[in-house]
Amino acid sequence: MGVFAICPGAEQAKKQGWTVEQADKIRAAGFSFRFFGVNR
């Protein structure tokens, strides 16, 4: 897509057990790592 940032849902990522290592892999590939739905 040519995006600069990847922004998964925070609730889903936490529920799926996503770790900082997974976010770091996305960052290492050159993307900004962000979250949507940080509502608590």
All heavy atoms as atom14 arrays in JSON, in Angstrom:
{
  "sequence": "MGVFAICPGAEQAKKQGWTVEQADKIRAAGFSFRFFGVNR",
  "atom14_mask": [
    [1, 1, 1, 1, 1, 1, 1, 1, 0, 0, 0, 0, 0, 0],
    [1, 1, 1, 1, 0, 0, 0, 0, 0, 0, 0, 0, 0, 0],
    [1, 1, 1, 1, 1, 1, 1, 0, 0, 0, 0, 0, 0, 0],
    [1, 1, 1, 1, 1, 1, 1, 1, 1, 1, 1, 0, 0, 0],
    [1, 1, 1, 1, 1, 0, 0, 0, 0, 0, 0, 0, 0, 0],
    [1, 1, 1, 1, 1, 1, 1, 1, 0, 0, 0, 0, 0, 0],
    [1, 1, 1, 1, 1, 1, 0, 0, 0, 0, 0, 0, 0, 0],
    [1, 1, 1, 1, 1, 1, 1, 0, 0, 0, 0, 0, 0, 0],
    [1, 1, 1, 1, 0, 0, 0, 0, 0, 0, 0, 0, 0, 0],
    [1, 1, 1, 1, 1, 0, 0, 0, 0, 0, 0, 0, 0, 0],
    [1, 1, 1, 1, 1, 1, 1, 1, 1, 0, 0, 0, 0, 0],
    [1, 1, 1, 1, 1, 1, 1, 1, 1, 0, 0, 0, 0, 0],
    [1, 1, 1, 1, 1, 0, 0, 0, 0, 0, 0, 0, 0, 0],
    [1, 1, 1, 1, 1, 1, 1, 1, 1, 0, 0, 0, 0, 0],
    [1, 1, 1, 1, 1, 1, 1, 1, 1, 0, 0, 0, 0, 0],
    [1, 1, 1, 1, 1, 1, 1, 1, 1, 0, 0, 0, 0, 0],
    [1, 1, 1, 1, 0, 0, 0, 0, 0, 0, 0, 0, 0, 0],
    [1, 1, 1, 1, 1, 1, 1, 1, 1, 1, 1, 1, 1, 1],
    [1, 1, 1, 1, 1, 1, 1, 0, 0, 0, 0, 0, 0, 0],
    [1, 1, 1, 1, 1, 1, 1, 0, 0, 0, 0, 0, 0, 0],
    [1, 1, 1, 1, 1, 1, 1, 1, 1, 0, 0, 0, 0, 0],
    [1, 1, 1, 1, 1, 1, 1, 1, 1, 0, 0, 0, 0, 0],
    [1, 1, 1, 1, 1, 0, 0, 0, 0, 0, 0, 0, 0, 0],
    [1, 1, 1, 1, 1, 1, 1, 1, 0, 0, 0, 0, 0, 0],
    [1, 1, 1, 1, 1, 1, 1, 1, 1, 0, 0, 0, 0, 0],
    [1, 1, 1, 1, 1, 1, 1, 1, 0, 0, 0, 0, 0, 0],
    [1, 1, 1, 1, 1, 1, 1, 1, 1, 1, 1, 0, 0, 0],
    [1, 1, 1, 1, 1, 0, 0, 0, 0, 0, 0, 0, 0, 0],
    [1, 1, 1, 1, 1, 0, 0, 0, 0, 0, 0, 0, 0, 0],
    [1, 1, 1, 1, 0, 0, 0, 0, 0, 0, 0, 0, 0, 0],
    [1, 1, 1, 1, 1, 1, 1, 1, 1, 1, 1, 0, 0, 0],
    [1, 1, 1, 1, 1, 1, 0, 0, 0, 0, 0, 0, 0, 0],
    [1, 1, 1, 1, 1, 1, 1, 1, 1, 1, 1, 0, 0, 0],
    [1, 1, 1, 1, 1, 1, 1, 1, 1, 1, 1, 0, 0, 0],
    [1, 1, 1, 1, 1, 1, 1, 1, 1, 1, 1, 0, 0, 0],
    [1, 1, 1, 1, 1, 1, 1, 1, 1, 1, 1, 0, 0, 0],
    [1, 1, 1, 1, 0, 0, 0, 0, 0, 0, 0, 0, 0, 0],
    [1, 1, 1, 1, 1, 1, 1, 0, 0, 0, 0, 0, 0, 0],
    [1, 1, 1, 1, 1, 1, 1, 1, 0, 0, 0, 0, 0, 0],
    [1, 1, 1, 1, 1, 1, 1, 1, 1, 1, 1, 0, 0, 0]
  ],
  "atom14_positions": [
    [[0.81, -1.22, 0.0], [0.0, 0.0, 0.0], [0.85, 1.27, 0.0], [0.35, 2.34, -0.31], [-0.91, 0.03, 1.23], [-2.0, -1.0, 1.21], [-3.01, -0.89, 2.7], [-1.97, -1.72, 3.89], [0.0, 0.0, 0.0], [0.0, 0.0, 0.0], [0.0, 0.0, 0.0], [0.0, 0.0, 0.0], [0.0, 0.0, 0.0], [0.0, 0.0, 0.0]],
    [[2.1, 1.15, 0.42], [2.96, 2.33, 0.5], [2.7, 3.19, 1.73], [2.97, 4.39, 1.72], [0.0, 0.0, 0.0], [0.0, 0.0, 0.0], [0.0, 0.0, 0.0], [0.0, 0.0, 0.0], [0.0, 0.0, 0.0], [0.0, 0.0, 0.0], [0.0, 0.0, 0.0], [0.0, 0.0, 0.0], [0.0, 0.0, 0.0], [0.0, 0.0, 0.0]],
    [[2.18, 2.58, 2.79], [1.87, 3.34, 4.01], [3.14, 3.62, 4.82], [4.14, 2.93, 4.69], [0.84, 2.6, 4.9], [-0.46, 2.39, 4.15], [1.37, 1.28, 5.44], [0.0, 0.0, 0.0], [0.0, 0.0, 0.0], [0.0, 0.0, 0.0], [0.0, 0.0, 0.0], [0.0, 0.0, 0.0], [0.0, 0.0, 0.0], [0.0, 0.0, 0.0]],
    [[3.05, 4.64, 5.68], [4.17, 4.92, 6.57], [3.93, 4.33, 7.96], [4.86, 4.17, 8.74], [4.44, 6.44, 6.68], [3.68, 7.13, 7.77], [4.28, 7.41, 8.99], [2.35, 7.49, 7.61], [3.58, 8.04, 10.0], [1.65, 8.12, 8.61], [2.27, 8.4, 9.81], [0.0, 0.0, 0.0], [0.0, 0.0, 0.0], [0.0, 0.0, 0.0]],
    [[2.66, 4.01, 8.27], [2.34, 3.53, 9.61], [1.34, 2.38, 9.56], [0.45, 2.35, 8.72], [1.76, 4.66, 10.45], [0.0, 0.0, 0.0], [0.0, 0.0, 0.0], [0.0, 0.0, 0.0], [0.0, 0.0, 0.0], [0.0, 0.0, 0.0], [0.0, 0.0, 0.0], [0.0, 0.0, 0.0], [0.0, 0.0, 0.0], [0.0, 0.0, 0.0]],
    [[1.51, 1.47, 10.51], [0.6, 0.35, 10.7], [-0.01, 0.51, 12.09], [0.7, 0.72, 13.08], [1.32, -0.99, 10.54], [1.8, -1.13, 9.08], [0.43, -2.16, 10.97], [2.64, -2.34, 8.78], [0.0, 0.0, 0.0], [0.0, 0.0, 0.0], [0.0, 0.0, 0.0], [0.0, 0.0, 0.0], [0.0, 0.0, 0.0], [0.0, 0.0, 0.0]],
    [[-1.34, 0.42, 12.13], [-2.07, 0.79, 13.34], [-3.14, -0.27, 13.66], [-4.29, -0.14, 13.27], [-2.71, 2.16, 13.11], [-3.53, 2.89, 14.54], [0.0, 0.0, 0.0], [0.0, 0.0, 0.0], [0.0, 0.0, 0.0], [0.0, 0.0, 0.0], [0.0, 0.0, 0.0], [0.0, 0.0, 0.0], [0.0, 0.0, 0.0], [0.0, 0.0, 0.0]],
    [[-2.74, -1.34, 14.38], [-3.74, -2.34, 14.76], [-4.59, -1.87, 15.94], [-4.24, -0.92, 16.63], [-2.88, -3.55, 15.15], [-1.57, -2.99, 15.54], [-1.39, -1.71, 14.77], [0.0, 0.0, 0.0], [0.0, 0.0, 0.0], [0.0, 0.0, 0.0], [0.0, 0.0, 0.0], [0.0, 0.0, 0.0], [0.0, 0.0, 0.0], [0.0, 0.0, 0.0]],
    [[-5.69, -2.59, 16.15], [-6.54, -2.32, 17.3], [-5.85, -2.77, 18.58], [-5.38, -3.9, 18.67], [0.0, 0.0, 0.0], [0.0, 0.0, 0.0], [0.0, 0.0, 0.0], [0.0, 0.0, 0.0], [0.0, 0.0, 0.0], [0.0, 0.0, 0.0], [0.0, 0.0, 0.0], [0.0, 0.0, 0.0], [0.0, 0.0, 0.0], [0.0, 0.0, 0.0]],
    [[-5.8, -1.9, 19.56], [-5.12, -2.21, 20.83], [-5.79, -3.38, 21.56], [-5.1, -4.28, 22.04], [-5.09, -0.97, 21.72], [0.0, 0.0, 0.0], [0.0, 0.0, 0.0], [0.0, 0.0, 0.0], [0.0, 0.0, 0.0], [0.0, 0.0, 0.0], [0.0, 0.0, 0.0], [0.0, 0.0, 0.0], [0.0, 0.0, 0.0], [0.0, 0.0, 0.0]],
    [[-7.1, -3.36, 21.64], [-7.82, -4.42, 22.37], [-7.55, -5.78, 21.73], [-7.27, -6.75, 22.42], [-9.33, -4.14, 22.38], [-9.73, -2.91, 23.17], [-9.92, -3.16, 24.66], [-9.86, -4.33, 25.11], [-10.13, -2.17, 25.38], [0.0, 0.0, 0.0], [0.0, 0.0, 0.0], [0.0, 0.0, 0.0], [0.0, 0.0, 0.0], [0.0, 0.0, 0.0]],
    [[-7.63, -5.84, 20.38], [-7.4, -7.1, 19.68], [-5.96, -7.57, 19.86], [-5.7, -8.75, 20.1], [-7.69, -6.96, 18.2], [-9.14, -6.75, 17.88], [-9.35, -6.42, 16.4], [-8.47, -5.9, 15.74], [-10.52, -6.75, 15.9], [0.0, 0.0, 0.0], [0.0, 0.0, 0.0], [0.0, 0.0, 0.0], [0.0, 0.0, 0.0], [0.0, 0.0, 0.0]],
    [[-5.01, -6.65, 19.73], [-3.6, -7.02, 19.85], [-3.32, -7.58, 21.24], [-2.64, -8.61, 21.38], [-2.71, -5.82, 19.56], [0.0, 0.0, 0.0], [0.0, 0.0, 0.0], [0.0, 0.0, 0.0], [0.0, 0.0, 0.0], [0.0, 0.0, 0.0], [0.0, 0.0, 0.0], [0.0, 0.0, 0.0], [0.0, 0.0, 0.0], [0.0, 0.0, 0.0]],
    [[-3.84, -6.93, 22.26], [-3.62, -7.41, 23.64], [-4.27, -8.78, 23.83], [-3.65, -9.69, 24.38], [-4.18, -6.41, 24.65], [-3.82, -6.75, 26.09], [-4.21, -5.61, 27.0], [-3.71, -5.7, 28.41], [-3.66, -6.96, 29.06], [0.0, 0.0, 0.0], [0.0, 0.0, 0.0], [0.0, 0.0, 0.0], [0.0, 0.0, 0.0], [0.0, 0.0, 0.0]],
    [[-5.48, -8.92, 23.34], [-6.2, -10.2, 23.46], [-5.45, -11.33, 22.74], [-5.45, -12.47, 23.2], [-7.61, -10.05, 22.87], [-8.53, -11.19, 23.16], [-9.93, -10.86, 22.62], [-10.94, -11.82, 23.15], [-12.29, -11.51, 22.67], [0.0, 0.0, 0.0], [0.0, 0.0, 0.0], [0.0, 0.0, 0.0], [0.0, 0.0, 0.0], [0.0, 0.0, 0.0]],
    [[-4.82, -11.01, 21.62], [-4.06, -12.01, 20.85], [-2.66, -12.23, 21.39], [-1.9, -13.04, 20.86], [-3.99, -11.6, 19.38], [-5.33, -11.56, 18.69], [-6.05, -12.9, 18.72], [-5.45, -13.96, 18.57], [-7.36, -12.86, 18.95], [0.0, 0.0, 0.0], [0.0, 0.0, 0.0], [0.0, 0.0, 0.0], [0.0, 0.0, 0.0], [0.0, 0.0, 0.0]],
    [[-2.29, -11.49, 22.44], [-0.98, -11.68, 23.06], [0.18, -11.04, 22.32], [1.33, -11.47, 22.45], [0.0, 0.0, 0.0], [0.0, 0.0, 0.0], [0.0, 0.0, 0.0], [0.0, 0.0, 0.0], [0.0, 0.0, 0.0], [0.0, 0.0, 0.0], [0.0, 0.0, 0.0], [0.0, 0.0, 0.0], [0.0, 0.0, 0.0], [0.0, 0.0, 0.0]],
    [[-0.11, -10.0, 21.54], [0.97, -9.32, 20.83], [1.95, -8.73, 21.84], [1.55, -8.2, 22.87], [0.41, -8.23, 19.93], [0.02, -8.73, 18.58], [-0.79, -9.81, 18.32], [0.42, -8.22, 17.33], [-0.91, -9.97, 16.96], [-0.18, -9.0, 16.33], [1.22, -7.15, 16.95], [0.01, -8.76, 14.98], [1.4, -6.9, 15.6], [0.81, -7.72, 14.63]],
    [[3.23, -8.84, 21.51], [4.3, -8.37, 22.39], [5.07, -7.25, 21.72], [4.95, -7.02, 20.52], [5.28, -9.51, 22.71], [5.92, -9.91, 21.49], [4.56, -10.7, 23.35], [0.0, 0.0, 0.0], [0.0, 0.0, 0.0], [0.0, 0.0, 0.0], [0.0, 0.0, 0.0], [0.0, 0.0, 0.0], [0.0, 0.0, 0.0], [0.0, 0.0, 0.0]],
    [[5.92, -6.59, 22.5], [6.73, -5.5, 21.97], [7.66, -6.02, 20.87], [7.99, -5.27, 19.94], [7.49, -4.77, 23.09], [8.61, -5.64, 23.67], [8.03, -3.43, 22.6], [0.0, 0.0, 0.0], [0.0, 0.0, 0.0], [0.0, 0.0, 0.0], [0.0, 0.0, 0.0], [0.0, 0.0, 0.0], [0.0, 0.0, 0.0], [0.0, 0.0, 0.0]],
    [[8.03, -7.28, 20.92], [8.88, -7.84, 19.86], [8.16, -7.82, 18.51], [8.78, -7.58, 17.47], [9.33, -9.26, 20.21], [10.35, -9.34, 21.34], [9.73, -9.19, 22.73], [8.51, -9.41, 22.9], [10.48, -8.82, 23.66], [0.0, 0.0, 0.0], [0.0, 0.0, 0.0], [0.0, 0.0, 0.0], [0.0, 0.0, 0.0], [0.0, 0.0, 0.0]],
    [[6.87, -8.07, 18.52], [6.11, -8.02, 17.27], [6.02, -6.58, 16.76], [6.18, -6.33, 15.55], [4.73, -8.64, 17.46], [4.82, -10.16, 17.62], [3.56, -10.75, 18.19], [3.15, -10.39, 19.29], [2.94, -11.64, 17.44], [0.0, 0.0, 0.0], [0.0, 0.0, 0.0], [0.0, 0.0, 0.0], [0.0, 0.0, 0.0], [0.0, 0.0, 0.0]],
    [[5.79, -5.64, 17.67], [5.76, -4.23, 17.27], [7.14, -3.8, 16.77], [7.25, -3.08, 15.77], [5.33, -3.37, 18.45], [0.0, 0.0, 0.0], [0.0, 0.0, 0.0], [0.0, 0.0, 0.0], [0.0, 0.0, 0.0], [0.0, 0.0, 0.0], [0.0, 0.0, 0.0], [0.0, 0.0, 0.0], [0.0, 0.0, 0.0], [0.0, 0.0, 0.0]],
    [[8.19, -4.26, 17.43], [9.56, -3.92, 17.01], [9.86, -4.44, 15.6], [10.57, -3.79, 14.84], [10.6, -4.49, 18.0], [10.67, -3.71, 19.29], [10.16, -2.56, 19.34], [11.24, -4.25, 20.26], [0.0, 0.0, 0.0], [0.0, 0.0, 0.0], [0.0, 0.0, 0.0], [0.0, 0.0, 0.0], [0.0, 0.0, 0.0], [0.0, 0.0, 0.0]],
    [[9.33, -5.6, 15.27], [9.55, -6.15, 13.93], [8.93, -5.24, 12.87], [9.53, -5.0, 11.81], [8.96, -7.56, 13.84], [9.31, -8.26, 12.53], [8.97, -9.73, 12.59], [9.55, -10.42, 11.36], [9.34, -11.85, 11.39], [0.0, 0.0, 0.0], [0.0, 0.0, 0.0], [0.0, 0.0, 0.0], [0.0, 0.0, 0.0], [0.0, 0.0, 0.0]],
    [[7.76, -4.72, 13.17], [7.09, -3.79, 12.25], [7.9, -2.5, 12.14], [8.13, -1.99, 11.04], [5.64, -3.54, 12.7], [4.81, -4.83, 12.48], [5.02, -2.34, 11.97], [3.44, -4.82, 13.1], [0.0, 0.0, 0.0], [0.0, 0.0, 0.0], [0.0, 0.0, 0.0], [0.0, 0.0, 0.0], [0.0, 0.0, 0.0], [0.0, 0.0, 0.0]],
    [[8.38, -2.0, 13.28], [9.21, -0.79, 13.26], [10.52, -1.03, 12.5], [10.96, -0.18, 11.72], [9.5, -0.32, 14.68], [8.37, 0.46, 15.32], [8.8, 1.07, 16.64], [8.82, 0.09, 17.7], [7.75, -0.23, 18.44], [6.6, 0.36, 18.24], [7.83, -1.13, 19.39], [0.0, 0.0, 0.0], [0.0, 0.0, 0.0], [0.0, 0.0, 0.0]],
    [[11.12, -2.19, 12.7], [12.39, -2.51, 12.03], [12.21, -2.57, 10.51], [13.18, -2.36, 9.77], [12.95, -3.83, 12.56], [0.0, 0.0, 0.0], [0.0, 0.0, 0.0], [0.0, 0.0, 0.0], [0.0, 0.0, 0.0], [0.0, 0.0, 0.0], [0.0, 0.0, 0.0], [0.0, 0.0, 0.0], [0.0, 0.0, 0.0], [0.0, 0.0, 0.0]],
    [[11.0, -2.84, 10.07], [10.71, -2.87, 8.63], [10.49, -1.47, 8.07], [10.23, -1.31, 6.88], [9.5, -3.75, 8.36], [0.0, 0.0, 0.0], [0.0, 0.0, 0.0], [0.0, 0.0, 0.0], [0.0, 0.0, 0.0], [0.0, 0.0, 0.0], [0.0, 0.0, 0.0], [0.0, 0.0, 0.0], [0.0, 0.0, 0.0], [0.0, 0.0, 0.0]],
    [[10.57, -0.45, 8.93], [10.48, 0.93, 8.48], [9.15, 1.62, 8.69], [8.94, 2.73, 8.21], [0.0, 0.0, 0.0], [0.0, 0.0, 0.0], [0.0, 0.0, 0.0], [0.0, 0.0, 0.0], [0.0, 0.0, 0.0], [0.0, 0.0, 0.0], [0.0, 0.0, 0.0], [0.0, 0.0, 0.0], [0.0, 0.0, 0.0], [0.0, 0.0, 0.0]],
    [[8.25, 1.0, 9.44], [6.93, 1.58, 9.67], [6.84, 2.19, 11.06], [7.47, 1.71, 12.0], [5.84, 0.51, 9.55], [5.74, -0.12, 8.2], [6.34, -1.33, 7.94], [5.06, 0.52, 7.17], [6.27, -1.92, 6.7], [4.97, -0.05, 5.92], [5.58, -1.27, 5.67], [0.0, 0.0, 0.0], [0.0, 0.0, 0.0], [0.0, 0.0, 0.0]],
    [[6.01, 3.22, 11.18], [5.61, 3.7, 12.48], [4.59, 2.69, 13.02], [3.76, 2.18, 12.26], [4.96, 5.08, 12.34], [4.39, 5.51, 13.56], [0.0, 0.0, 0.0], [0.0, 0.0, 0.0], [0.0, 0.0, 0.0], [0.0, 0.0, 0.0], [0.0, 0.0, 0.0], [0.0, 0.0, 0.0], [0.0, 0.0, 0.0], [0.0, 0.0, 0.0]],
    [[4.65, 2.38, 14.32], [3.71, 1.45, 14.94], [2.81, 2.24, 15.88], [3.29, 2.9, 16.8], [4.44, 0.35, 15.71], [3.51, -0.67, 16.31], [3.03, -1.73, 15.55], [3.09, -0.55, 17.63], [2.15, -2.66, 16.1], [2.22, -1.48, 18.18], [1.75, -2.53, 17.41], [0.0, 0.0, 0.0], [0.0, 0.0, 0.0], [0.0, 0.0, 0.0]],
    [[1.51, 2.19, 15.62], [0.52, 2.94, 16.39], [-0.62, 2.03, 16.77], [-0.71, 0.91, 16.28], [0.01, 4.12, 15.54], [1.15, 5.06, 15.16], [0.77, 6.04, 14.1], [1.9, 6.93, 13.86], [1.81, 8.24, 13.72], [0.64, 8.83, 13.77], [2.88, 8.96, 13.52], [0.0, 0.0, 0.0], [0.0, 0.0, 0.0], [0.0, 0.0, 0.0]],
    [[-1.52, 2.51, 17.61], [-2.71, 1.75, 17.98], [-3.96, 2.6, 17.77], [-3.93, 3.81, 17.97], [-2.7, 1.35, 19.46], [-1.98, 0.08, 19.77], [-1.05, 0.03, 20.79], [-2.24, -1.1, 19.08], [-0.39, -1.14, 21.11], [-1.59, -2.28, 19.39], [-0.66, -2.29, 20.41], [0.0, 0.0, 0.0], [0.0, 0.0, 0.0], [0.0, 0.0, 0.0]],
    [[-5.07, 1.94, 17.43], [-6.37, 2.61, 17.52], [-7.15, 1.95, 18.64], [-6.84, 0.84, 19.07], [-7.13, 2.58, 16.18], [-7.75, 1.26, 15.81], [-9.0, 0.89, 16.29], [-7.09, 0.38, 14.95], [-9.58, -0.33, 15.94], [-7.66, -0.84, 14.6], [-8.9, -1.19, 15.1], [0.0, 0.0, 0.0], [0.0, 0.0, 0.0], [0.0, 0.0, 0.0]],
    [[-8.14, 2.68, 19.15], [-9.02, 2.13, 20.17], [-8.41, 2.05, 21.55], [-8.73, 1.16, 22.33], [0.0, 0.0, 0.0], [0.0, 0.0, 0.0], [0.0, 0.0, 0.0], [0.0, 0.0, 0.0], [0.0, 0.0, 0.0], [0.0, 0.0, 0.0], [0.0, 0.0, 0.0], [0.0, 0.0, 0.0], [0.0, 0.0, 0.0], [0.0, 0.0, 0.0]],
    [[-7.56, 2.99, 21.89], [-6.99, 3.04, 23.25], [-7.99, 3.84, 24.09], [-7.85, 5.03, 24.3], [-5.58, 3.69, 23.23], [-5.02, 3.81, 24.64], [-4.64, 2.87, 22.35], [0.0, 0.0, 0.0], [0.0, 0.0, 0.0], [0.0, 0.0, 0.0], [0.0, 0.0, 0.0], [0.0, 0.0, 0.0], [0.0, 0.0, 0.0], [0.0, 0.0, 0.0]],
    [[-9.02, 3.13, 24.54], [-10.17, 3.78, 25.17], [-10.32, 3.48, 26.66], [-11.37, 3.75, 27.24], [-11.46, 3.4, 24.44], [-11.48, 3.98, 23.04], [-11.01, 5.08, 22.82], [-12.01, 3.22, 22.1], [0.0, 0.0, 0.0], [0.0, 0.0, 0.0], [0.0, 0.0, 0.0], [0.0, 0.0, 0.0], [0.0, 0.0, 0.0], [0.0, 0.0, 0.0]],
    [[-9.29, 2.93, 27.25], [-9.29, 2.66, 28.7], [-7.87, 2.83, 29.2], [-6.9, 2.68, 28.45], [-9.75, 1.23, 29.0], [-11.15, 0.91, 28.55], [-11.6, -0.51, 28.93], [-10.89, -1.52, 28.16], [-10.18, -2.53, 28.7], [-10.08, -2.65, 30.01], [-9.59, -3.42, 27.94], [0.0, 0.0, 0.0], [0.0, 0.0, 0.0], [0.0, 0.0, 0.0]]
  ]
}
